[in-house]
PDB file of N, CA and C in Angstrom:
ATOM      1  N   MET A   1     128.687 -52.129 -69.260  1.00  0.00           N
ATOM      2  CA  MET A   1     128.110 -50.892 -68.870  1.00  0.00           C
ATOM      3  C   MET A   1     128.958 -50.255 -67.703  1.00  0.00           C
ATOM      4  N   THR A   2     128.883 -49.114 -67.719  1.00  0.00           N
ATOM      5  CA  THR A   2     129.690 -48.256 -66.826  1.00  0.00           C
ATOM      6  C   THR A   2     128.815 -47.932 -65.542  1.00  0.00           C
ATOM      7  N   ASP A   3     129.623 -48.205 -64.405  1.00  0.00           N
ATOM      8  CA  ASP A   3     128.962 -47.748 -63.121  1.00  0.00           C
ATOM      9  C   ASP A   3     128.612 -46.143 -63.014  1.00  0.00           C
ATOM     10  N   PRO A   4     127.404 -45.655 -62.839  1.00  0.00           N
ATOM     11  CA  PRO A   4     127.299 -44.352 -62.636  1.00  0.00           C
ATOM     12  C   PRO A   4     128.034 -43.645 -61.450  1.00  0.00           C
ATOM     13  N   GLN A   5     128.090 -44.431 -60.424  1.00  0.00           N
ATOM     14  CA  GLN A   5     128.875 -43.747 -59.300  1.00  0.00           C
ATOM     15  C   GLN A   5     130.182 -43.805 -59.517  1.00  0.00           C
ATOM     16  N   ASN A   6     130.763 -44.452 -60.242  1.00  0.00           N
ATOM     17  CA  ASN A   6     132.407 -44.493 -60.647  1.00  0.00           C
ATOM     18  C   ASN A   6     132.644 -43.640 -61.832  1.00  0.00           C
ATOM     19  N   ALA A   7     131.599 -43.079 -62.403  1.00  0.00           N
ATOM     20  CA  ALA A   7     131.919 -42.199 -63.769  1.00  0.00           C
ATOM     21  C   ALA A   7     132.865 -41.021 -63.530  1.00  0.00           C
ATOM     22  N   PRO A   8     133.715 -40.958 -64.624  1.00  0.00           N
ATOM     23  CA  PRO A   8     134.616 -39.795 -64.393  1.00  0.00           C
ATOM     24  C   PRO A   8     133.845 -38.454 -64.451  1.00  0.00           C
ATOM     25  N   THR A   9     134.355 -37.416 -63.613  1.00  0.00           N
ATOM     26  CA  THR A   9     133.627 -36.170 -63.738  1.00  0.00           C
ATOM     27  C   THR A   9     134.045 -35.417 -64.914  1.00  0.00           C
ATOM     28  N   PRO A  10     133.188 -34.591 -65.621  1.00  0.00           N
ATOM     29  CA  PRO A  10     133.385 -34.016 -66.841  1.00  0.00           C
ATOM     30  C   PRO A  10     134.343 -32.890 -66.552  1.00  0.00           C
ATOM     31  N   PRO A  11     135.037 -32.648 -67.522  1.00  0.00           N
ATOM     32  CA  PRO A  11     136.070 -31.555 -67.566  1.00  0.00           C
ATOM     33  C   PRO A  11     135.376 -30.273 -67.314  1.00  0.00           C
ATOM     34  N   PRO A  12     135.948 -29.131 -66.706  1.00  0.00           N
ATOM     35  CA  PRO A  12     135.296 -28.040 -66.627  1.00  0.00           C
ATOM     36  C   PRO A  12     135.107 -27.034 -67.765  1.00  0.00           C
ATOM     37  N   GLN A  13     133.966 -26.451 -67.948  1.00  0.00           N
ATOM     38  CA  GLN A  13     133.727 -25.681 -69.153  1.00  0.00           C
ATOM     39  C   GLN A  13     134.496 -24.496 -69.159  1.00  0.00           C
ATOM     40  N   PRO A  14     134.793 -24.119 -70.554  1.00  0.00           N
ATOM     41  CA  PRO A  14     135.622 -22.869 -70.465  1.00  0.00           C
ATOM     42  C   PRO A  14     134.757 -21.706 -70.192  1.00  0.00           C
ATOM     43  N   GLY A  15     135.193 -20.845 -69.402  1.00  0.00           N
ATOM     44  CA  GLY A  15     134.422 -19.599 -68.861  1.00  0.00           C
ATOM     45  C   GLY A  15     134.471 -18.591 -70.049  1.00  0.00           C
ATOM     46  N   SER A  16     133.595 -17.544 -69.740  1.00  0.00           N
ATOM     47  CA  SER A  16     133.424 -16.574 -70.680  1.00  0.00           C
ATOM     48  C   SER A  16     134.416 -15.306 -70.368  1.00  0.00           C
ATOM     49  N   GLY A  17     135.223 -15.462 -69.407  1.00  0.00           N
ATOM     50  CA  GLY A  17     136.195 -14.531 -69.120  1.00  0.00           C
ATOM     51  C   GLY A  17     135.747 -13.395 -68.010  1.00  0.00           C
ATOM     52  N   TYR A  18     134.427 -13.581 -67.642  1.00  0.00           N
ATOM     53  CA  TYR A  18     133.838 -12.803 -66.651  1.00  0.00           C
ATOM     54  C   TYR A  18     133.669 -13.535 -65.490  1.00  0.00           C
ATOM     55  N   ASP A  19     133.831 -12.919 -64.152  1.00  0.00           N
ATOM     56  CA  ASP A  19     133.778 -13.423 -62.878  1.00  0.00           C
ATOM     57  C   ASP A  19     132.274 -13.257 -62.655  1.00  0.00           C
ATOM     58  N   THR A  20     131.584 -14.471 -62.536  1.00  0.00           N
ATOM     59  CA  THR A  20     129.950 -14.324 -62.457  1.00  0.00           C
ATOM     60  C   THR A  20     129.558 -14.618 -60.969  1.00  0.00           C
ATOM     61  N   ASN A  21     129.929 -13.654 -60.115  1.00  0.00           N
ATOM     62  CA  ASN A  21     129.419 -13.921 -58.708  1.00  0.00           C
ATOM     63  C   ASN A  21     128.129 -13.254 -58.524  1.00  0.00           C
ATOM     64  N   PRO A  22     127.090 -13.964 -58.163  1.00  0.00           N
ATOM     65  CA  PRO A  22     125.834 -13.465 -58.054  1.00  0.00           C
ATOM     66  C   PRO A  22     125.656 -12.599 -56.975  1.00  0.00           C
ATOM     67  N   TYR A  23     126.430 -12.736 -55.918  1.00  0.00           N
ATOM     68  CA  TYR A  23     126.399 -11.884 -54.769  1.00  0.00           C
ATOM     69  C   TYR A  23     127.207 -10.558 -54.855  1.00  0.00           C
ATOM     70  N   GLN A  24     128.026 -10.233 -55.832  1.00  0.00           N
ATOM     71  CA  GLN A  24     128.774  -9.145 -56.001  1.00  0.00           C
ATOM     72  C   GLN A  24     128.121  -8.148 -56.553  1.00  0.00           C
ATOM     73  N   SER A  25     128.417  -6.754 -55.908  1.00  0.00           N
ATOM     74  CA  SER A  25     127.519  -5.770 -56.417  1.00  0.00           C
ATOM     75  C   SER A  25     128.219  -5.305 -57.767  1.00  0.00           C
ATOM     76  N   ASN A  26     127.381  -4.569 -58.696  1.00  0.00           N
ATOM     77  CA  ASN A  26     127.848  -4.209 -59.674  1.00  0.00           C
ATOM     78  C   ASN A  26     128.257  -2.515 -59.682  1.00  0.00           C
ATOM     79  N   GLY A  27     128.436  -2.134 -58.470  1.00  0.00           N
ATOM     80  CA  GLY A  27     128.889  -0.694 -58.349  1.00  0.00           C
ATOM     81  C   GLY A  27     127.697   0.364 -58.221  1.00  0.00           C
ATOM     82  N   PHE A  28     126.548  -0.133 -58.716  1.00  0.00           N
ATOM     83  CA  PHE A  28     125.307   0.707 -58.379  1.00  0.00           C
ATOM     84  C   PHE A  28     124.452   0.195 -57.322  1.00  0.00           C
ATOM     85  N   SER A  29     124.261   1.130 -56.335  1.00  0.00           N
ATOM     86  CA  SER A  29     123.336   0.732 -55.115  1.00  0.00           C
ATOM     87  C   SER A  29     122.042   1.630 -55.313  1.00  0.00           C
ATOM     88  N   GLN A  30     121.152   0.802 -54.812  1.00  0.00           N
ATOM     89  CA  GLN A  30     119.863   1.486 -54.856  1.00  0.00           C
ATOM     90  C   GLN A  30     119.749   2.318 -53.679  1.00  0.00           C
ATOM     91  N   ALA A  31     118.986   3.617 -53.904  1.00  0.00           N
ATOM     92  CA  ALA A  31     118.909   4.479 -52.960  1.00  0.00           C
ATOM     93  C   ALA A  31     117.838   3.967 -51.923  1.00  0.00           C
ATOM     94  N   PRO A  32     118.056   4.218 -50.635  1.00  0.00           N
ATOM     95  CA  PRO A  32     117.062   3.834 -49.636  1.00  0.00           C
ATOM     96  C   PRO A  32     115.739   4.652 -49.841  1.00  0.00           C
ATOM     97  N   GLU A  33     114.635   3.956 -49.662  1.00  0.00           N
ATOM     98  CA  GLU A  33     113.274   4.605 -49.787  1.00  0.00           C
ATOM     99  C   GLU A  33     112.988   5.472 -48.608  1.00  0.00           C
ATOM    100  N   ARG A  34     112.937   6.815 -48.709  1.00  0.00           N
ATOM    101  CA  ARG A  34     112.575   7.729 -47.719  1.00  0.00           C
ATOM    102  C   ARG A  34     111.581   8.711 -48.138  1.00  0.00           C
ATOM    103  N   GLY A  35     110.762   8.401 -49.204  1.00  0.00           N
ATOM    104  CA  GLY A  35     109.879   9.359 -49.732  1.00  0.00           C
ATOM    105  C   GLY A  35     108.805   9.898 -48.614  1.00  0.00           C
ATOM    106  N   LEU A  36     108.241   8.915 -48.103  1.00  0.00           N
ATOM    107  CA  LEU A  36     107.130   9.267 -46.987  1.00  0.00           C
ATOM    108  C   LEU A  36     107.697  10.121 -45.928  1.00  0.00           C
ATOM    109  N   SER A  37     108.935   9.778 -45.488  1.00  0.00           N
ATOM    110  CA  SER A  37     109.627  10.396 -44.332  1.00  0.00           C
ATOM    111  C   SER A  37     109.883  11.728 -44.601  1.00  0.00           C
ATOM    112  N   ILE A  38     110.515  11.958 -45.869  1.00  0.00           N
ATOM    113  CA  ILE A  38     110.893  13.261 -46.220  1.00  0.00           C
ATOM    114  C   ILE A  38     109.684  14.082 -46.523  1.00  0.00           C
ATOM    115  N   ALA A  39     108.718  13.583 -46.978  1.00  0.00           N
ATOM    116  CA  ALA A  39     107.350  14.332 -47.209  1.00  0.00           C
ATOM    117  C   ALA A  39     106.922  14.764 -45.965  1.00  0.00           C
ATOM    118  N   SER A  40     106.965  13.933 -44.913  1.00  0.00           N
ATOM    119  CA  SER A  40     106.499  14.138 -43.583  1.00  0.00           C
ATOM    120  C   SER A  40     107.200  15.513 -42.934  1.00  0.00           C
ATOM    121  N   THR A  41     108.585  15.488 -43.097  1.00  0.00           N
ATOM    122  CA  THR A  41     109.333  16.617 -42.611  1.00  0.00           C
ATOM    123  C   THR A  41     108.915  17.907 -43.367  1.00  0.00           C
ATOM    124  N   VAL A  42     108.853  17.726 -44.893  1.00  0.00           N
ATOM    125  CA  VAL A  42     108.721  18.922 -45.567  1.00  0.00           C
ATOM    126  C   VAL A  42     107.336  19.533 -45.218  1.00  0.00           C
ATOM    127  N   LEU A  43     106.399  18.704 -44.959  1.00  0.00           N
ATOM    128  CA  LEU A  43     104.934  19.269 -44.569  1.00  0.00           C
ATOM    129  C   LEU A  43     105.137  19.733 -43.172  1.00  0.00           C
ATOM    130  N   GLY A  44     105.823  19.177 -42.349  1.00  0.00           N
ATOM    131  CA  GLY A  44     106.128  19.803 -41.000  1.00  0.00           C
ATOM    132  C   GLY A  44     106.602  21.092 -40.994  1.00  0.00           C
ATOM    133  N   ILE A  45     107.547  21.340 -41.847  1.00  0.00           N
ATOM    134  CA  ILE A  45     108.177  22.701 -41.915  1.00  0.00           C
ATOM    135  C   ILE A  45     107.163  23.582 -42.633  1.00  0.00           C
ATOM    136  N   LEU A  46     106.477  23.273 -43.506  1.00  0.00           N
ATOM    137  CA  LEU A  46     105.444  24.103 -44.204  1.00  0.00           C
ATOM    138  C   LEU A  46     104.327  24.385 -43.149  1.00  0.00           C
ATOM    139  N   SER A  47     104.052  23.415 -42.333  1.00  0.00           N
ATOM    140  CA  SER A  47     102.802  23.510 -41.354  1.00  0.00           C
ATOM    141  C   SER A  47     103.271  24.591 -40.325  1.00  0.00           C
ATOM    142  N   LEU A  48     104.463  25.072 -40.096  1.00  0.00           N
ATOM    143  CA  LEU A  48     104.831  26.217 -39.353  1.00  0.00           C
ATOM    144  C   LEU A  48     104.310  27.490 -39.965  1.00  0.00           C
ATOM    145  N   PHE A  49     104.229  27.450 -41.345  1.00  0.00           N
ATOM    146  CA  PHE A  49     103.603  28.617 -41.977  1.00  0.00           C
ATOM    147  C   PHE A  49     102.099  28.568 -42.310  1.00  0.00           C
ATOM    148  N   PHE A  50     101.736  27.321 -42.555  1.00  0.00           N
ATOM    149  CA  PHE A  50     100.361  27.159 -42.903  1.00  0.00           C
ATOM    150  C   PHE A  50      99.592  26.128 -41.924  1.00  0.00           C
ATOM    151  N   GLY A  51      99.959  26.213 -40.630  1.00  0.00           N
ATOM    152  CA  GLY A  51      99.348  25.404 -39.761  1.00  0.00           C
ATOM    153  C   GLY A  51      97.758  25.815 -39.519  1.00  0.00           C
ATOM    154  N   PHE A  52      97.526  26.926 -39.845  1.00  0.00           N
ATOM    155  CA  PHE A  52      95.995  27.328 -39.549  1.00  0.00           C
ATOM    156  C   PHE A  52      95.155  26.441 -40.511  1.00  0.00           C
ATOM    157  N   THR A  53      95.447  25.896 -41.612  1.00  0.00           N
ATOM    158  CA  THR A  53      94.699  25.065 -42.398  1.00  0.00           C
ATOM    159  C   THR A  53      94.278  23.765 -41.822  1.00  0.00           C
ATOM    160  N   VAL A  54      94.994  23.244 -40.841  1.00  0.00           N
ATOM    161  CA  VAL A  54      94.803  21.973 -40.122  1.00  0.00           C
ATOM    162  C   VAL A  54      95.002  20.650 -40.969  1.00  0.00           C
ATOM    163  N   VAL A  55      94.936  20.903 -42.318  1.00  0.00           N
ATOM    164  CA  VAL A  55      94.988  19.881 -43.398  1.00  0.00           C
ATOM    165  C   VAL A  55      96.494  19.540 -43.474  1.00  0.00           C
ATOM    166  N   VAL A  56      97.314  20.418 -43.635  1.00  0.00           N
ATOM    167  CA  VAL A  56      98.737  20.270 -43.775  1.00  0.00           C
ATOM    168  C   VAL A  56      99.402  19.619 -42.677  1.00  0.00           C
ATOM    169  N   PRO A  57      99.251  19.853 -41.398  1.00  0.00           N
ATOM    170  CA  PRO A  57      99.866  19.137 -40.490  1.00  0.00           C
ATOM    171  C   PRO A  57      99.137  17.690 -40.165  1.00  0.00           C
ATOM    172  N   ILE A  58      97.897  17.509 -40.433  1.00  0.00           N
ATOM    173  CA  ILE A  58      97.367  16.166 -40.318  1.00  0.00           C
ATOM    174  C   ILE A  58      97.915  15.219 -41.356  1.00  0.00           C
ATOM    175  N   VAL A  59      98.102  15.787 -42.505  1.00  0.00           N
ATOM    176  CA  VAL A  59      98.595  14.915 -43.727  1.00  0.00           C
ATOM    177  C   VAL A  59     100.056  14.578 -43.273  1.00  0.00           C
ATOM    178  N   GLY A  60     100.750  15.555 -42.911  1.00  0.00           N
ATOM    179  CA  GLY A  60     102.271  15.441 -42.521  1.00  0.00           C
ATOM    180  C   GLY A  60     102.573  14.401 -41.363  1.00  0.00           C
ATOM    181  N   LEU A  61     101.432  14.457 -40.368  1.00  0.00           N
ATOM    182  CA  LEU A  61     101.521  13.460 -39.230  1.00  0.00           C
ATOM    183  C   LEU A  61     101.094  11.963 -39.712  1.00  0.00           C
ATOM    184  N   VAL A  62     100.230  11.958 -40.652  1.00  0.00           N
ATOM    185  CA  VAL A  62     100.013  10.582 -41.264  1.00  0.00           C
ATOM    186  C   VAL A  62     101.238  10.082 -42.243  1.00  0.00           C
ATOM    187  N   LEU A  63     101.717  10.912 -42.945  1.00  0.00           N
ATOM    188  CA  LEU A  63     102.837  10.567 -43.699  1.00  0.00           C
ATOM    189  C   LEU A  63     104.031   9.970 -42.821  1.00  0.00           C
ATOM    190  N   GLY A  64     104.245  10.791 -41.591  1.00  0.00           N
ATOM    191  CA  GLY A  64     105.263  10.404 -40.637  1.00  0.00           C
ATOM    192  C   GLY A  64     104.986   8.999 -40.082  1.00  0.00           C
ATOM    193  N   VAL A  65     103.817   8.794 -39.769  1.00  0.00           N
ATOM    194  CA  VAL A  65     103.643   7.467 -39.004  1.00  0.00           C
ATOM    195  C   VAL A  65     103.697   6.331 -40.048  1.00  0.00           C
ATOM    196  N   MET A  66     103.225   6.741 -41.460  1.00  0.00           N
ATOM    197  CA  MET A  66     103.509   5.499 -42.263  1.00  0.00           C
ATOM    198  C   MET A  66     104.928   5.438 -42.746  1.00  0.00           C
ATOM    199  N   GLY A  67     105.767   6.433 -42.592  1.00  0.00           N
ATOM    200  CA  GLY A  67     107.094   6.365 -42.895  1.00  0.00           C
ATOM    201  C   GLY A  67     107.778   5.651 -41.774  1.00  0.00           C
ATOM    202  N   LEU A  68     107.464   5.803 -40.583  1.00  0.00           N
ATOM    203  CA  LEU A  68     108.210   5.027 -39.503  1.00  0.00           C
ATOM    204  C   LEU A  68     107.768   3.466 -39.643  1.00  0.00           C
ATOM    205  N   ARG A  69     106.728   3.195 -40.151  1.00  0.00           N
ATOM    206  CA  ARG A  69     106.384   1.750 -40.319  1.00  0.00           C
ATOM    207  C   ARG A  69     106.829   1.124 -41.765  1.00  0.00           C
ATOM    208  N   ARG A  70     107.056   1.857 -42.718  1.00  0.00           N
ATOM    209  CA  ARG A  70     107.389   1.332 -43.921  1.00  0.00           C
ATOM    210  C   ARG A  70     108.900   1.581 -44.439  1.00  0.00           C
ATOM    211  N   GLU A  71     109.496   2.671 -43.847  1.00  0.00           N
ATOM    212  CA  GLU A  71     110.731   3.025 -44.230  1.00  0.00           C
ATOM    213  C   GLU A  71     111.848   3.168 -43.136  1.00  0.00           C
ATOM    214  N   PRO A  72     112.425   2.011 -42.751  1.00  0.00           N
ATOM    215  CA  PRO A  72     113.280   2.070 -41.620  1.00  0.00           C
ATOM    216  C   PRO A  72     114.534   3.120 -41.893  1.00  0.00           C
ATOM    217  N   GLU A  73     115.101   3.161 -43.207  1.00  0.00           N
ATOM    218  CA  GLU A  73     116.102   4.011 -43.552  1.00  0.00           C
ATOM    219  C   GLU A  73     115.745   5.518 -43.274  1.00  0.00           C
ATOM    220  N   GLY A  74     114.594   5.839 -43.358  1.00  0.00           N
ATOM    221  CA  GLY A  74     114.276   7.183 -43.116  1.00  0.00           C
ATOM    222  C   GLY A  74     113.422   7.505 -41.724  1.00  0.00           C
ATOM    223  N   ARG A  75     114.009   6.782 -40.781  1.00  0.00           N
ATOM    224  CA  ARG A  75     113.278   6.969 -39.444  1.00  0.00           C
ATOM    225  C   ARG A  75     113.488   8.373 -38.806  1.00  0.00           C
ATOM    226  N   ASN A  76     114.744   8.974 -39.043  1.00  0.00           N
ATOM    227  CA  ASN A  76     115.144  10.232 -38.489  1.00  0.00           C
ATOM    228  C   ASN A  76     114.043  11.344 -39.189  1.00  0.00           C
ATOM    229  N   PHE A  77     113.932  11.204 -40.458  1.00  0.00           N
ATOM    230  CA  PHE A  77     113.100  12.217 -41.125  1.00  0.00           C
ATOM    231  C   PHE A  77     111.702  12.194 -40.770  1.00  0.00           C
ATOM    232  N   ALA A  78     111.138  10.773 -40.497  1.00  0.00           N
ATOM    233  CA  ALA A  78     109.776  10.511 -40.120  1.00  0.00           C
ATOM    234  C   ALA A  78     109.526  10.999 -38.685  1.00  0.00           C
ATOM    235  N   LEU A  79     110.588  10.701 -37.860  1.00  0.00           N
ATOM    236  CA  LEU A  79     110.316  11.178 -36.451  1.00  0.00           C
ATOM    237  C   LEU A  79     110.365  12.760 -36.376  1.00  0.00           C
ATOM    238  N   ALA A  80     111.025  13.466 -37.162  1.00  0.00           N
ATOM    239  CA  ALA A  80     111.221  14.953 -37.201  1.00  0.00           C
ATOM    240  C   ALA A  80     109.685  15.345 -37.622  1.00  0.00           C
ATOM    241  N   GLY A  81     109.229  14.748 -38.718  1.00  0.00           N
ATOM    242  CA  GLY A  81     107.815  15.015 -39.198  1.00  0.00           C
ATOM    243  C   GLY A  81     106.797  14.740 -38.296  1.00  0.00           C
ATOM    244  N   VAL A  82     106.839  13.810 -37.538  1.00  0.00           N
ATOM    245  CA  VAL A  82     105.769  13.338 -36.572  1.00  0.00           C
ATOM    246  C   VAL A  82     105.832  14.451 -35.507  1.00  0.00           C
ATOM    247  N   TRP A  83     107.131  14.578 -34.874  1.00  0.00           N
ATOM    248  CA  TRP A  83     107.110  15.697 -33.826  1.00  0.00           C
ATOM    249  C   TRP A  83     106.670  17.085 -34.251  1.00  0.00           C
ATOM    250  N   ILE A  84     107.160  17.514 -35.356  1.00  0.00           N
ATOM    251  CA  ILE A  84     106.919  18.992 -35.775  1.00  0.00           C
ATOM    252  C   ILE A  84     105.378  19.091 -36.102  1.00  0.00           C
ATOM    253  N   ASN A  85     104.813  17.995 -36.835  1.00  0.00           N
ATOM    254  CA  ASN A  85     103.361  18.188 -37.224  1.00  0.00           C
ATOM    255  C   ASN A  85     102.554  18.053 -35.913  1.00  0.00           C
ATOM    256  N   GLY A  86     103.107  16.915 -34.941  1.00  0.00           N
ATOM    257  CA  GLY A  86     102.193  16.808 -33.651  1.00  0.00           C
ATOM    258  C   GLY A  86     102.339  18.096 -32.844  1.00  0.00           C
ATOM    259  N   ALA A  87     103.303  18.816 -32.821  1.00  0.00           N
ATOM    260  CA  ALA A  87     103.452  20.124 -32.054  1.00  0.00           C
ATOM    261  C   ALA A  87     102.552  21.058 -32.695  1.00  0.00           C
ATOM    262  N   ILE A  88     102.552  21.313 -33.950  1.00  0.00           N
ATOM    263  CA  ILE A  88     101.754  22.332 -34.669  1.00  0.00           C
ATOM    264  C   ILE A  88     100.293  21.850 -34.362  1.00  0.00           C
ATOM    265  N   LEU A  89      99.819  20.765 -34.556  1.00  0.00           N
ATOM    266  CA  LEU A  89      98.507  20.420 -34.131  1.00  0.00           C
ATOM    267  C   LEU A  89      98.165  20.585 -32.613  1.00  0.00           C
ATOM    268  N   PHE A  90      98.909  20.245 -31.828  1.00  0.00           N
ATOM    269  CA  PHE A  90      98.677  20.511 -30.391  1.00  0.00           C
ATOM    270  C   PHE A  90      98.594  22.113 -30.155  1.00  0.00           C
ATOM    271  N   LEU A  91      99.480  22.839 -30.760  1.00  0.00           N
ATOM    272  CA  LEU A  91      99.583  24.401 -30.518  1.00  0.00           C
ATOM    273  C   LEU A  91      98.267  24.927 -31.111  1.00  0.00           C
ATOM    274  N   GLY A  92      97.835  24.362 -32.247  1.00  0.00           N
ATOM    275  CA  GLY A  92      96.644  24.857 -32.786  1.00  0.00           C
ATOM    276  C   GLY A  92      95.301  24.430 -31.975  1.00  0.00           C
ATOM    277  N   LEU A  93      95.417  23.337 -31.381  1.00  0.00           N
ATOM    278  CA  LEU A  93      94.161  23.024 -30.502  1.00  0.00           C
ATOM    279  C   LEU A  93      94.238  23.919 -29.185  1.00  0.00           C
ATOM    280  N   VAL A  94      95.546  24.219 -28.696  1.00  0.00           N
ATOM    281  CA  VAL A  94      95.451  25.094 -27.470  1.00  0.00           C
ATOM    282  C   VAL A  94      94.957  26.487 -27.966  1.00  0.00           C
ATOM    283  N   MET A  95      95.452  27.034 -29.090  1.00  0.00           N
ATOM    284  CA  MET A  95      94.809  28.410 -29.489  1.00  0.00           C
ATOM    285  C   MET A  95      93.322  28.369 -29.618  1.00  0.00           C
ATOM    286  N   VAL A  96      92.787  27.288 -30.277  1.00  0.00           N
ATOM    287  CA  VAL A  96      91.288  27.152 -30.243  1.00  0.00           C
ATOM    288  C   VAL A  96      90.769  27.322 -29.068  1.00  0.00           C
ATOM    289  N   VAL A  97      91.172  26.547 -27.943  1.00  0.00           N
ATOM    290  CA  VAL A  97      90.767  26.574 -26.574  1.00  0.00           C
ATOM    291  C   VAL A  97      90.815  27.935 -26.042  1.00  0.00           C
ATOM    292  N   ILE A  98      91.911  28.532 -26.242  1.00  0.00           N
ATOM    293  CA  ILE A  98      92.197  29.862 -25.621  1.00  0.00           C
ATOM    294  C   ILE A  98      91.188  30.936 -26.257  1.00  0.00           C
ATOM    295  N   LEU A  99      91.107  30.675 -27.649  1.00  0.00           N
ATOM    296  CA  LEU A  99      90.190  31.597 -28.290  1.00  0.00           C
ATOM    297  C   LEU A  99      88.743  31.368 -27.766  1.00  0.00           C
ATOM    298  N   ILE A 100      88.365  30.133 -27.662  1.00  0.00           N
ATOM    299  CA  ILE A 100      86.883  29.956 -27.176  1.00  0.00           C
ATOM    300  C   ILE A 100      86.736  30.539 -25.668  1.00  0.00           C
ATOM    301  N   ILE A 101      87.712  30.408 -24.820  1.00  0.00           N
ATOM    302  CA  ILE A 101      87.560  30.984 -23.517  1.00  0.00           C
ATOM    303  C   ILE A 101      87.626  32.263 -23.409  1.00  0.00           C
ATOM    304  N   ALA A 102      88.496  32.957 -24.316  1.00  0.00           N
ATOM    305  CA  ALA A 102      88.452  34.515 -24.340  1.00  0.00           C
ATOM    306  C   ALA A 102      87.179  35.029 -24.943  1.00  0.00           C
ATOM    307  N   LEU A 103      86.596  34.449 -25.971  1.00  0.00           N
ATOM    308  CA  LEU A 103      85.505  34.933 -26.558  1.00  0.00           C
ATOM    309  C   LEU A 103      84.295  34.645 -25.725  1.00  0.00           C
ATOM    310  N   SER A 104      84.250  33.608 -24.974  1.00  0.00           N
ATOM    311  CA  SER A 104      83.114  33.525 -23.968  1.00  0.00           C
ATOM    312  C   SER A 104      83.108  34.338 -22.596  1.00  0.00           C
ATOM    313  N   ILE A 105      84.204  34.645 -22.502  1.00  0.00           N
ATOM    314  CA  ILE A 105      84.488  35.522 -21.163  1.00  0.00           C
ATOM    315  C   ILE A 105      84.323  37.031 -21.615  1.00  0.00           C
ATOM    316  N   GLY A 106      85.129  37.316 -22.586  1.00  0.00           N
ATOM    317  CA  GLY A 106      85.097  38.700 -22.977  1.00  0.00           C
ATOM    318  C   GLY A 106      84.151  39.272 -23.823  1.00  0.00           C
ATOM    319  N   ILE A 107      83.388  38.555 -24.639  1.00  0.00           N
ATOM    320  CA  ILE A 107      82.526  39.149 -25.511  1.00  0.00           C
ATOM    321  C   ILE A 107      81.425  39.899 -24.893  1.00  0.00           C
ATOM    322  N   PHE A 108      81.015  39.560 -23.690  1.00  0.00           N
ATOM    323  CA  PHE A 108      79.872  40.185 -23.168  1.00  0.00           C
ATOM    324  C   PHE A 108      80.293  41.550 -22.391  1.00  0.00           C
ATOM    325  N   SER A 109      81.596  41.912 -22.416  1.00  0.00           N
ATOM    326  CA  SER A 109      82.183  43.133 -21.589  1.00  0.00           C
ATOM    327  C   SER A 109      82.414  44.194 -22.834  1.00  0.00           C
ATOM    328  N   ILE A 110      81.980  43.873 -24.129  1.00  0.00           N
ATOM    329  CA  ILE A 110      82.310  44.963 -25.014  1.00  0.00           C
ATOM    330  C   ILE A 110      81.396  45.967 -24.967  1.00  0.00           C
ATOM    331  N   PRO A 111      81.640  47.237 -24.833  1.00  0.00           N
ATOM    332  CA  PRO A 111      80.686  48.293 -24.558  1.00  0.00           C
ATOM    333  C   PRO A 111      79.628  48.291 -25.779  1.00  0.00           C
ATOM    334  N   ALA A 112      79.901  48.017 -27.013  1.00  0.00           N
ATOM    335  CA  ALA A 112      79.035  48.061 -28.114  1.00  0.00           C
ATOM    336  C   ALA A 112      77.971  46.966 -28.025  1.00  0.00           C
ATOM    337  N   PHE A 113      78.565  45.852 -27.457  1.00  0.00           N
ATOM    338  CA  PHE A 113      77.473  44.788 -27.338  1.00  0.00           C
ATOM    339  C   PHE A 113      76.570  44.919 -26.159  1.00  0.00           C
ATOM    340  N   VAL A 114      77.132  45.593 -25.028  1.00  0.00           N
ATOM    341  CA  VAL A 114      76.216  45.758 -24.025  1.00  0.00           C
ATOM    342  C   VAL A 114      75.213  46.832 -24.272  1.00  0.00           C
ATOM    343  N   GLU A 115      75.563  47.952 -25.100  1.00  0.00           N
ATOM    344  CA  GLU A 115      74.552  48.876 -25.332  1.00  0.00           C
ATOM    345  C   GLU A 115      73.481  48.345 -26.387  1.00  0.00           C
ATOM    346  N   MET A 116      74.135  47.427 -27.317  1.00  0.00           N
ATOM    347  CA  MET A 116      73.149  46.829 -28.181  1.00  0.00           C
ATOM    348  C   MET A 116      72.121  45.907 -27.345  1.00  0.00           C
ATOM    349  N   SER A 117      72.471  45.076 -26.526  1.00  0.00           N
ATOM    350  CA  SER A 117      71.813  44.194 -25.879  1.00  0.00           C
ATOM    351  C   SER A 117      70.713  44.988 -24.840  1.00  0.00           C
ATOM    352  N   ASN A 118      71.135  46.197 -24.421  1.00  0.00           N
ATOM    353  CA  ASN A 118      70.406  46.921 -23.543  1.00  0.00           C
ATOM    354  C   ASN A 118      69.173  47.614 -24.600  1.00  0.00           C
ATOM    355  N   ALA A 119      69.566  48.011 -25.636  1.00  0.00           N
ATOM    356  CA  ALA A 119      68.640  48.759 -26.683  1.00  0.00           C
ATOM    357  C   ALA A 119      67.563  47.549 -27.012  1.00  0.00           C
ATOM    358  N   ALA A 120      68.144  46.417 -27.236  1.00  0.00           N
ATOM    359  CA  ALA A 120      67.116  45.344 -27.587  1.00  0.00           C
ATOM    360  C   ALA A 120      66.028  45.032 -26.499  1.00  0.00           C
ATOM    361  N   VAL A 121      66.519  45.085 -25.346  1.00  0.00           N
ATOM    362  CA  VAL A 121      65.651  44.823 -24.086  1.00  0.00           C
ATOM    363  C   VAL A 121      64.631  46.024 -23.904  1.00  0.00           C
ATOM    364  N   LEU A 122      65.104  47.211 -24.060  1.00  0.00           N
ATOM    365  CA  LEU A 122      64.163  48.466 -24.041  1.00  0.00           C
ATOM    366  C   LEU A 122      63.125  48.453 -25.071  1.00  0.00           C
ATOM    367  N   ASN A 123      63.455  48.143 -26.352  1.00  0.00           N
ATOM    368  CA  ASN A 123      62.634  48.119 -27.336  1.00  0.00           C
ATOM    369  C   ASN A 123      61.602  46.844 -27.447  1.00  0.00           C
ATOM    370  N   ALA A 124      61.871  45.974 -26.715  1.00  0.00           N
ATOM    371  CA  ALA A 124      60.965  44.921 -26.532  1.00  0.00           C
ATOM    372  C   ALA A 124      59.743  45.108 -25.920  1.00  0.00           C
TER     373      ALA A 124
END
């Protein structure tokens, strides 16, 4: 019997002619995932025109935050989307507050409103 530790090594098998390195690239690279980040930036730009809907900047802000967490390659797009959508939401909130203050202060000084309220008091 032959000793398995001293057995001769088998001869190398003939190759197929191709270098099969599992770590070598085949020339095709996968594009980095940036869908959420780009969508956030696009919605941020659209919210400049449609910010009054409030839905567009909120969706853009949510997509931007999700893009920051899930897509490190699209960080710049996600940050741009978060900043633009956040600014639009903040400006919308400021406009609503200004409108509420203006209406609460100025609505009672409109001459037609004053005459209408005086007429309602006189008729009562």
